[in-house]
Amino acid sequence: MYTVFGMWKIYEHKKAIKQLKSLPVEIAKRYEKWKDIVMMSGPEGLREIKGFKDESLSGERKGYCSSRLNIQYRVIYKIENELLFVLVEKVTAHDYRRK
């Protein structure tokens, strides 16, 4: 599903759409705020808001980024097509166990 506003487009993977349906209301609202920021300012806007703790990932998730929705939930996303397309891969509870 595409959401278009401003210059940035957000594509939510079908797995993410399914996960979004089962999120607690507070997390769903925070995710909507996250989308608003991305659509208006892109990922650079996320990095300016310290609460999201937006960061690049490494290891098996190299090439992806993560934003914190709260202490437990994260948005995993990837920037594609010359920084104009954001693919939301997952919205899930963070797993702190090492693999």
C-alpha atoms as a PDB file:
ATOM      1  CA  MET A   1       0.000   0.000   0.000  1.00  0.00           C
ATOM      2  CA  TYR A   2       1.344   3.438  -0.927  1.00  0.00           C
ATOM      3  CA  THR A   3       0.867   6.571   1.117  1.00  0.00           C
ATOM      4  CA  VAL A   4       1.802   9.740  -0.740  1.00  0.00           C
ATOM      5  CA  PHE A   5       2.222  13.182   0.792  1.00  0.00           C
ATOM      6  CA  GLY A   6       4.868  15.728  -0.047  1.00  0.00           C
ATOM      7  CA  MET A   7       7.933  14.335  -1.773  1.00  0.00           C
ATOM      8  CA  TRP A   8       8.254  11.037   0.078  1.00  0.00           C
ATOM      9  CA  LYS A   9       6.310   7.840  -0.564  1.00  0.00           C
ATOM     10  CA  ILE A  10       5.869   5.100   2.006  1.00  0.00           C
ATOM     11  CA  TYR A  11       5.237   1.519   0.953  1.00  0.00           C
ATOM     12  CA  GLU A  12       4.077  -0.828   3.701  1.00  0.00           C
ATOM     13  CA  HIS A  13       4.982  -4.456   3.072  1.00  0.00           C
ATOM     14  CA  LYS A  14       2.019  -6.824   3.428  1.00  0.00           C
ATOM     15  CA  LYS A  15       3.665  -8.318   6.554  1.00  0.00           C
ATOM     16  CA  ALA A  16       3.837  -4.843   8.076  1.00  0.00           C
ATOM     17  CA  ILE A  17       0.179  -4.135   7.251  1.00  0.00           C
ATOM     18  CA  LYS A  18      -0.806  -7.335   9.041  1.00  0.00           C
ATOM     19  CA  GLN A  19       1.365  -6.426  12.055  1.00  0.00           C
ATOM     20  CA  LEU A  20      -0.112  -2.919  12.174  1.00  0.00           C
ATOM     21  CA  LYS A  21      -3.602  -4.331  12.682  1.00  0.00           C
ATOM     22  CA  SER A  22      -2.592  -5.974  15.954  1.00  0.00           C
ATOM     23  CA  LEU A  23      -0.589  -3.096  17.469  1.00  0.00           C
ATOM     24  CA  PRO A  24      -1.659  -1.456  20.717  1.00  0.00           C
ATOM     25  CA  VAL A  25      -3.485   1.843  20.029  1.00  0.00           C
ATOM     26  CA  GLU A  26      -0.658   3.940  21.502  1.00  0.00           C
ATOM     27  CA  ILE A  27       1.907   2.313  19.186  1.00  0.00           C
ATOM     28  CA  ALA A  28      -0.363   2.660  16.144  1.00  0.00           C
ATOM     29  CA  LYS A  29      -0.703   6.404  16.849  1.00  0.00           C
ATOM     30  CA  ARG A  30       3.050   6.755  17.231  1.00  0.00           C
ATOM     31  CA  TYR A  31       3.536   4.924  13.917  1.00  0.00           C
ATOM     32  CA  GLU A  32       1.144   7.352  12.214  1.00  0.00           C
ATOM     33  CA  LYS A  33       3.205  10.248  13.613  1.00  0.00           C
ATOM     34  CA  TRP A  34       6.356   8.498  12.313  1.00  0.00           C
ATOM     35  CA  LYS A  35       4.773   8.313   8.832  1.00  0.00           C
ATOM     36  CA  ASP A  36       3.815  12.006   8.957  1.00  0.00           C
ATOM     37  CA  ILE A  37       7.415  12.962   9.728  1.00  0.00           C
ATOM     38  CA  VAL A  38       8.829  10.731   6.971  1.00  0.00           C
ATOM     39  CA  MET A  39       6.378  12.035   4.369  1.00  0.00           C
ATOM     40  CA  MET A  40       7.133  15.668   5.228  1.00  0.00           C
ATOM     41  CA  SER A  41      10.877  15.579   5.984  1.00  0.00           C
ATOM     42  CA  GLY A  42      12.128  12.150   4.994  1.00  0.00           C
ATOM     43  CA  PRO A  43      14.388  10.068   7.244  1.00  0.00           C
ATOM     44  CA  GLU A  44      16.446  13.172   8.022  1.00  0.00           C
ATOM     45  CA  GLY A  45      13.437  14.484   9.941  1.00  0.00           C
ATOM     46  CA  LEU A  46      13.416  11.336  12.078  1.00  0.00           C
ATOM     47  CA  ARG A  47      17.050  11.820  13.036  1.00  0.00           C
ATOM     48  CA  GLU A  48      16.244  15.277  14.373  1.00  0.00           C
ATOM     49  CA  ILE A  49      13.760  13.827  16.885  1.00  0.00           C
ATOM     50  CA  LYS A  50      15.855  12.015  19.479  1.00  0.00           C
ATOM     51  CA  GLY A  51      12.941   9.901  20.762  1.00  0.00           C
ATOM     52  CA  PHE A  52      12.864   7.858  17.567  1.00  0.00           C
ATOM     53  CA  LYS A  53      16.546   6.888  17.942  1.00  0.00           C
ATOM     54  CA  ASP A  54      16.674   6.371  14.178  1.00  0.00           C
ATOM     55  CA  GLU A  55      19.724   4.348  13.140  1.00  0.00           C
ATOM     56  CA  SER A  56      21.191   2.232  10.384  1.00  0.00           C
ATOM     57  CA  LEU A  57      21.288  -1.497  11.047  1.00  0.00           C
ATOM     58  CA  SER A  58      24.112  -3.956  10.492  1.00  0.00           C
ATOM     59  CA  GLY A  59      24.520  -7.694  10.130  1.00  0.00           C
ATOM     60  CA  GLU A  60      21.679  -9.524   8.397  1.00  0.00           C
ATOM     61  CA  ARG A  61      19.686  -6.242   8.321  1.00  0.00           C
ATOM     62  CA  LYS A  62      22.450  -4.217   6.638  1.00  0.00           C
ATOM     63  CA  GLY A  63      20.871  -1.641   4.336  1.00  0.00           C
ATOM     64  CA  TYR A  64      17.852  -1.213   6.611  1.00  0.00           C
ATOM     65  CA  CYS A  65      17.156   1.393   9.286  1.00  0.00           C
ATOM     66  CA  SER A  66      15.282   1.228  12.563  1.00  0.00           C
ATOM     67  CA  SER A  67      13.198   3.825  14.400  1.00  0.00           C
ATOM     68  CA  ARG A  68      11.989   3.385  17.953  1.00  0.00           C
ATOM     69  CA  LEU A  69       8.237   3.803  18.499  1.00  0.00           C
ATOM     70  CA  ASN A  70       8.630   3.129  22.215  1.00  0.00           C
ATOM     71  CA  ILE A  71      11.047   1.135  24.357  1.00  0.00           C
ATOM     72  CA  GLN A  72       9.743  -2.125  22.872  1.00  0.00           C
ATOM     73  CA  TYR A  73       8.445  -1.454  19.336  1.00  0.00           C
ATOM     74  CA  ARG A  74      10.514  -0.616  16.259  1.00  0.00           C
ATOM     75  CA  VAL A  75       9.835   0.259  12.626  1.00  0.00           C
ATOM     76  CA  ILE A  76      12.278  -1.500  10.306  1.00  0.00           C
ATOM     77  CA  TYR A  77      12.518   0.250   6.946  1.00  0.00           C
ATOM     78  CA  LYS A  78      14.663   0.655   3.864  1.00  0.00           C
ATOM     79  CA  ILE A  79      15.202   3.726   1.686  1.00  0.00           C
ATOM     80  CA  GLU A  80      15.080   3.027  -2.052  1.00  0.00           C
ATOM     81  CA  ASN A  81      14.941   4.824  -5.397  1.00  0.00           C
ATOM     82  CA  GLU A  82      17.199   7.811  -4.784  1.00  0.00           C
ATOM     83  CA  LEU A  83      15.867   8.560  -1.301  1.00  0.00           C
ATOM     84  CA  LEU A  84      12.264   9.046  -2.391  1.00  0.00           C
ATOM     85  CA  PHE A  85      10.785   5.670  -1.462  1.00  0.00           C
ATOM     86  CA  VAL A  86      10.568   4.190   2.027  1.00  0.00           C
ATOM     87  CA  LEU A  87       9.741   0.484   2.399  1.00  0.00           C
ATOM     88  CA  VAL A  88       8.372  -0.375   5.845  1.00  0.00           C
ATOM     89  CA  GLU A  89       9.460  -3.963   6.336  1.00  0.00           C
ATOM     90  CA  LYS A  90       8.273  -4.591   9.908  1.00  0.00           C
ATOM     91  CA  VAL A  91       6.593  -2.971  12.868  1.00  0.00           C
ATOM     92  CA  THR A  92       7.321  -5.340  15.678  1.00  0.00           C
ATOM     93  CA  ALA A  93       8.341  -5.765  19.259  1.00  0.00           C
ATOM     94  CA  HIS A  94      12.124  -5.597  19.500  1.00  0.00           C
ATOM     95  CA  ASP A  95      13.860  -8.889  20.283  1.00  0.00           C
ATOM     96  CA  TYR A  96      16.894  -8.288  22.479  1.00  0.00           C
ATOM     97  CA  ARG A  97      18.156 -11.880  22.293  1.00  0.00           C
ATOM     98  CA  ARG A  98      21.293 -12.470  20.278  1.00  0.00           C
ATOM     99  CA  LYS A  99      20.939 -14.856  17.362  1.00  0.00           C
END
